[in-house]
Amino acid sequence: MPLDPLRTDEPLADKPKRASDFESSLMSGCATIVVLSFTTYGLVVWPFFVMPEYTIFGLLTIVLLGMAPAAVFGVLAVRRGGLAGAAGFFGGAMASAVFIFLRLQQTQLGRLSYELPDPEYPAAWGWMLPLAWFLFSGGIAAVLLPKEKDLGS
């Protein structure tokens, strides 16, 4: 038959290693960033929906249940994911810092209304906690990022 294979290729004992192309490495890096940022955001934000943030104990519980596991997750993500892991973790941390700021500002409205519970902590905590989380997560991403080899020389 004219379209049958010729069977002239010699069999290889070991299959050659497939070289990664630029597009697949770019797509895997982008997917890593997206998944890690959503995961970081979810880890930080979920305690706000189940705990009261107007008490000091509730705010401490939110930090221990949300930000502490997110920081451990960030350490693992940065060490295993390299630059994509650091970017994904820090992106989720930035978005969650904005959420924390807006949520605590909303909680501070309790000082102006009799219908809302009065927060037990000072008003400055409304911007200090998100700023501390932002700086702490940025420090994790910057300090624990593995050093890349110089590809230029």
C-alpha atoms as a PDB file:
ATOM      1  CA  MET A   1       0.000   0.000   0.000  1.00  0.00           C
ATOM      2  CA  PRO A   2       1.328   3.433  -0.808  1.00  0.00           C
ATOM      3  CA  LEU A   3       0.303   5.105   2.500  1.00  0.00           C
ATOM      4  CA  ASP A   4       1.622   2.465   4.922  1.00  0.00           C
ATOM      5  CA  PRO A   5       4.569   3.452   7.123  1.00  0.00           C
ATOM      6  CA  LEU A   6       7.957   2.326   5.803  1.00  0.00           C
ATOM      7  CA  ARG A   7       9.171   1.040   9.211  1.00  0.00           C
ATOM      8  CA  THR A   8      12.675   2.251   8.500  1.00  0.00           C
ATOM      9  CA  ASP A   9      13.134   4.185  11.726  1.00  0.00           C
ATOM     10  CA  GLU A  10      15.309   2.471  14.279  1.00  0.00           C
ATOM     11  CA  PRO A  11      13.764   2.001  17.722  1.00  0.00           C
ATOM     12  CA  LEU A  12      15.053   4.231  20.511  1.00  0.00           C
ATOM     13  CA  ALA A  13      15.796   2.773  23.912  1.00  0.00           C
ATOM     14  CA  ASP A  14      15.095   6.028  25.758  1.00  0.00           C
ATOM     15  CA  LYS A  15      12.572   8.518  24.567  1.00  0.00           C
ATOM     16  CA  PRO A  16      14.112  11.958  24.073  1.00  0.00           C
ATOM     17  CA  LYS A  17      13.209  14.581  26.641  1.00  0.00           C
ATOM     18  CA  ARG A  18      10.626  16.990  25.340  1.00  0.00           C
ATOM     19  CA  ALA A  19      11.901  20.551  25.313  1.00  0.00           C
ATOM     20  CA  SER A  20       9.561  23.071  26.880  1.00  0.00           C
ATOM     21  CA  ASP A  21       8.525  25.868  24.610  1.00  0.00           C
ATOM     22  CA  PHE A  22       8.018  29.482  25.540  1.00  0.00           C
ATOM     23  CA  GLU A  23       4.225  29.470  25.252  1.00  0.00           C
ATOM     24  CA  SER A  24       3.708  26.531  27.618  1.00  0.00           C
ATOM     25  CA  SER A  25       6.036  27.967  30.250  1.00  0.00           C
ATOM     26  CA  LEU A  26       4.257  31.322  29.941  1.00  0.00           C
ATOM     27  CA  MET A  27       0.839  29.710  30.311  1.00  0.00           C
ATOM     28  CA  SER A  28       1.903  27.645  33.322  1.00  0.00           C
ATOM     29  CA  GLY A  29       3.371  30.730  34.988  1.00  0.00           C
ATOM     30  CA  CYS A  30       0.222  32.757  34.384  1.00  0.00           C
ATOM     31  CA  ALA A  31      -1.998  29.939  35.626  1.00  0.00           C
ATOM     32  CA  THR A  32       0.178  29.646  38.734  1.00  0.00           C
ATOM     33  CA  ILE A  33      -0.189  33.367  39.420  1.00  0.00           C
ATOM     34  CA  VAL A  34      -3.975  33.268  39.057  1.00  0.00           C
ATOM     35  CA  VAL A  35      -4.498  30.150  41.193  1.00  0.00           C
ATOM     36  CA  LEU A  36      -2.171  31.336  43.965  1.00  0.00           C
ATOM     37  CA  SER A  37      -3.643  34.838  44.095  1.00  0.00           C
ATOM     38  CA  PHE A  38      -7.220  33.542  44.371  1.00  0.00           C
ATOM     39  CA  THR A  39      -6.151  30.980  46.984  1.00  0.00           C
ATOM     40  CA  THR A  40      -4.325  33.604  49.055  1.00  0.00           C
ATOM     41  CA  TYR A  41      -7.301  35.948  48.842  1.00  0.00           C
ATOM     42  CA  GLY A  42      -9.687  33.190  49.877  1.00  0.00           C
ATOM     43  CA  LEU A  43      -7.530  32.118  52.815  1.00  0.00           C
ATOM     44  CA  VAL A  44      -7.358  35.654  54.187  1.00  0.00           C
ATOM     45  CA  VAL A  45     -10.951  36.704  53.566  1.00  0.00           C
ATOM     46  CA  TRP A  46     -13.064  33.713  54.682  1.00  0.00           C
ATOM     47  CA  PRO A  47     -12.829  34.384  58.465  1.00  0.00           C
ATOM     48  CA  PHE A  48     -14.429  37.804  57.987  1.00  0.00           C
ATOM     49  CA  PHE A  49     -17.656  36.090  56.992  1.00  0.00           C
ATOM     50  CA  VAL A  50     -17.855  33.795  60.038  1.00  0.00           C
ATOM     51  CA  MET A  51     -16.281  35.855  62.856  1.00  0.00           C
ATOM     52  CA  PRO A  52     -17.282  39.260  64.215  1.00  0.00           C
ATOM     53  CA  GLU A  53     -14.591  41.793  63.366  1.00  0.00           C
ATOM     54  CA  TYR A  54     -15.771  44.484  65.772  1.00  0.00           C
ATOM     55  CA  THR A  55     -14.258  42.797  68.856  1.00  0.00           C
ATOM     56  CA  ILE A  56     -10.572  42.497  69.615  1.00  0.00           C
ATOM     57  CA  PHE A  57     -10.942  38.749  70.145  1.00  0.00           C
ATOM     58  CA  GLY A  58     -12.779  38.407  66.830  1.00  0.00           C
ATOM     59  CA  LEU A  59     -10.106  40.384  64.991  1.00  0.00           C
ATOM     60  CA  LEU A  60      -7.358  38.288  66.580  1.00  0.00           C
ATOM     61  CA  THR A  61      -9.207  35.118  65.602  1.00  0.00           C
ATOM     62  CA  ILE A  62      -9.510  36.408  62.033  1.00  0.00           C
ATOM     63  CA  VAL A  63      -5.772  37.039  61.932  1.00  0.00           C
ATOM     64  CA  LEU A  64      -4.983  33.580  63.341  1.00  0.00           C
ATOM     65  CA  LEU A  65      -7.444  31.709  61.130  1.00  0.00           C
ATOM     66  CA  GLY A  66      -6.881  33.699  57.951  1.00  0.00           C
ATOM     67  CA  MET A  67      -3.618  35.550  57.731  1.00  0.00           C
ATOM     68  CA  ALA A  68      -1.415  33.016  59.521  1.00  0.00           C
ATOM     69  CA  PRO A  69      -2.338  30.097  57.217  1.00  0.00           C
ATOM     70  CA  ALA A  70      -2.084  32.434  54.228  1.00  0.00           C
ATOM     71  CA  ALA A  71       1.442  33.402  55.311  1.00  0.00           C
ATOM     72  CA  VAL A  72       2.450  29.734  55.602  1.00  0.00           C
ATOM     73  CA  PHE A  73       0.858  29.122  52.211  1.00  0.00           C
ATOM     74  CA  GLY A  74       2.813  32.098  50.866  1.00  0.00           C
ATOM     75  CA  VAL A  75       6.114  30.717  52.128  1.00  0.00           C
ATOM     76  CA  LEU A  76       5.426  27.420  50.369  1.00  0.00           C
ATOM     77  CA  ALA A  77       4.198  29.146  47.212  1.00  0.00           C
ATOM     78  CA  VAL A  78       7.219  31.429  46.953  1.00  0.00           C
ATOM     79  CA  ARG A  79       9.751  28.657  47.584  1.00  0.00           C
ATOM     80  CA  ARG A  80       8.131  26.163  45.214  1.00  0.00           C
ATOM     81  CA  GLY A  81       6.721  28.498  42.570  1.00  0.00           C
ATOM     82  CA  GLY A  82       9.615  30.897  42.141  1.00  0.00           C
ATOM     83  CA  LEU A  83       8.744  34.252  40.628  1.00  0.00           C
ATOM     84  CA  ALA A  84       5.264  33.124  39.572  1.00  0.00           C
ATOM     85  CA  GLY A  85       4.587  31.899  43.119  1.00  0.00           C
ATOM     86  CA  ALA A  86       5.786  35.182  44.615  1.00  0.00           C
ATOM     87  CA  ALA A  87       3.704  37.222  42.181  1.00  0.00           C
ATOM     88  CA  GLY A  88       0.600  35.116  42.802  1.00  0.00           C
ATOM     89  CA  PHE A  89       0.943  35.231  46.574  1.00  0.00           C
ATOM     90  CA  PHE A  90       1.650  38.950  46.672  1.00  0.00           C
ATOM     91  CA  GLY A  91      -1.181  39.697  44.241  1.00  0.00           C
ATOM     92  CA  GLY A  92      -3.642  37.876  46.471  1.00  0.00           C
ATOM     93  CA  ALA A  93      -2.183  39.590  49.523  1.00  0.00           C
ATOM     94  CA  MET A  94      -2.642  43.027  47.940  1.00  0.00           C
ATOM     95  CA  ALA A  95      -6.247  42.296  47.046  1.00  0.00           C
ATOM     96  CA  SER A  96      -6.922  40.942  50.529  1.00  0.00           C
ATOM     97  CA  ALA A  97      -5.276  44.003  52.123  1.00  0.00           C
ATOM     98  CA  VAL A  98      -7.707  46.210  50.190  1.00  0.00           C
ATOM     99  CA  PHE A  99     -10.594  44.003  51.350  1.00  0.00           C
ATOM    100  CA  ILE A 100      -9.420  44.194  54.987  1.00  0.00           C
ATOM    101  CA  PHE A 101      -9.103  47.972  54.771  1.00  0.00           C
ATOM    102  CA  LEU A 102     -12.586  48.402  53.335  1.00  0.00           C
ATOM    103  CA  ARG A 103     -14.135  45.912  55.758  1.00  0.00           C
ATOM    104  CA  LEU A 104     -12.568  47.570  58.811  1.00  0.00           C
ATOM    105  CA  GLN A 105     -13.600  51.007  57.536  1.00  0.00           C
ATOM    106  CA  GLN A 106     -17.132  49.657  57.266  1.00  0.00           C
ATOM    107  CA  THR A 107     -16.851  48.340  60.823  1.00  0.00           C
ATOM    108  CA  GLN A 108     -15.691  51.789  61.985  1.00  0.00           C
ATOM    109  CA  LEU A 109     -19.073  53.156  60.917  1.00  0.00           C
ATOM    110  CA  GLY A 110     -20.387  51.595  64.124  1.00  0.00           C
ATOM    111  CA  ARG A 111     -18.927  54.554  65.983  1.00  0.00           C
ATOM    112  CA  LEU A 112     -21.377  56.857  64.180  1.00  0.00           C
ATOM    113  CA  SER A 113     -24.532  54.784  64.452  1.00  0.00           C
ATOM    114  CA  TYR A 114     -26.494  53.441  67.382  1.00  0.00           C
ATOM    115  CA  GLU A 115     -27.760  50.484  65.349  1.00  0.00           C
ATOM    116  CA  LEU A 116     -24.328  49.033  64.582  1.00  0.00           C
ATOM    117  CA  PRO A 117     -22.007  47.493  67.185  1.00  0.00           C
ATOM    118  CA  ASP A 118     -19.198  49.742  68.348  1.00  0.00           C
ATOM    119  CA  PRO A 119     -15.699  48.369  67.525  1.00  0.00           C
ATOM    120  CA  GLU A 120     -13.562  47.689  70.598  1.00  0.00           C
ATOM    121  CA  TYR A 121     -10.249  48.670  69.004  1.00  0.00           C
ATOM    122  CA  PRO A 122      -8.875  52.113  68.071  1.00  0.00           C
ATOM    123  CA  ALA A 123      -9.761  53.627  64.698  1.00  0.00           C
ATOM    124  CA  ALA A 124      -6.119  53.489  63.593  1.00  0.00           C
ATOM    125  CA  TRP A 125      -6.290  49.693  63.439  1.00  0.00           C
ATOM    126  CA  GLY A 126      -8.492  50.116  60.382  1.00  0.00           C
ATOM    127  CA  TRP A 127      -5.483  51.098  58.280  1.00  0.00           C
ATOM    128  CA  MET A 128      -2.624  49.610  60.324  1.00  0.00           C
ATOM    129  CA  LEU A 129      -3.732  45.969  60.033  1.00  0.00           C
ATOM    130  CA  PRO A 130      -4.037  45.986  56.211  1.00  0.00           C
ATOM    131  CA  LEU A 131      -0.762  47.877  55.895  1.00  0.00           C
ATOM    132  CA  ALA A 132       0.990  45.397  58.188  1.00  0.00           C
ATOM    133  CA  TRP A 133      -0.394  42.464  56.158  1.00  0.00           C
ATOM    134  CA  PHE A 134       0.678  44.140  52.908  1.00  0.00           C
ATOM    135  CA  LEU A 135       4.231  44.784  54.150  1.00  0.00           C
ATOM    136  CA  PHE A 136       4.564  41.362  55.785  1.00  0.00           C
ATOM    137  CA  SER A 137       3.436  39.508  52.675  1.00  0.00           C
ATOM    138  CA  GLY A 138       5.682  41.668  50.499  1.00  0.00           C
ATOM    139  CA  GLY A 139       8.581  40.773  52.783  1.00  0.00           C
ATOM    140  CA  ILE A 140       7.776  37.080  52.461  1.00  0.00           C
ATOM    141  CA  ALA A 141       7.686  37.358  48.673  1.00  0.00           C
ATOM    142  CA  ALA A 142      10.908  39.381  48.452  1.00  0.00           C
ATOM    143  CA  VAL A 143      13.041  37.594  51.022  1.00  0.00           C
ATOM    144  CA  LEU A 144      12.107  33.996  50.276  1.00  0.00           C
ATOM    145  CA  LEU A 145      12.179  34.276  46.479  1.00  0.00           C
ATOM    146  CA  PRO A 146      14.835  31.855  45.177  1.00  0.00           C
ATOM    147  CA  LYS A 147      17.716  33.573  43.440  1.00  0.00           C
ATOM    148  CA  GLU A 148      17.569  33.111  39.661  1.00  0.00           C
ATOM    149  CA  LYS A 149      20.648  32.214  37.706  1.00  0.00           C
ATOM    150  CA  ASP A 150      21.958  34.952  35.429  1.00  0.00           C
ATOM    151  CA  LEU A 151      20.906  33.969  31.922  1.00  0.00           C
ATOM    152  CA  GLY A 152      22.594  36.913  30.198  1.00  0.00           C
ATOM    153  CA  SER A 153      26.232  35.846  30.567  1.00  0.00           C
END
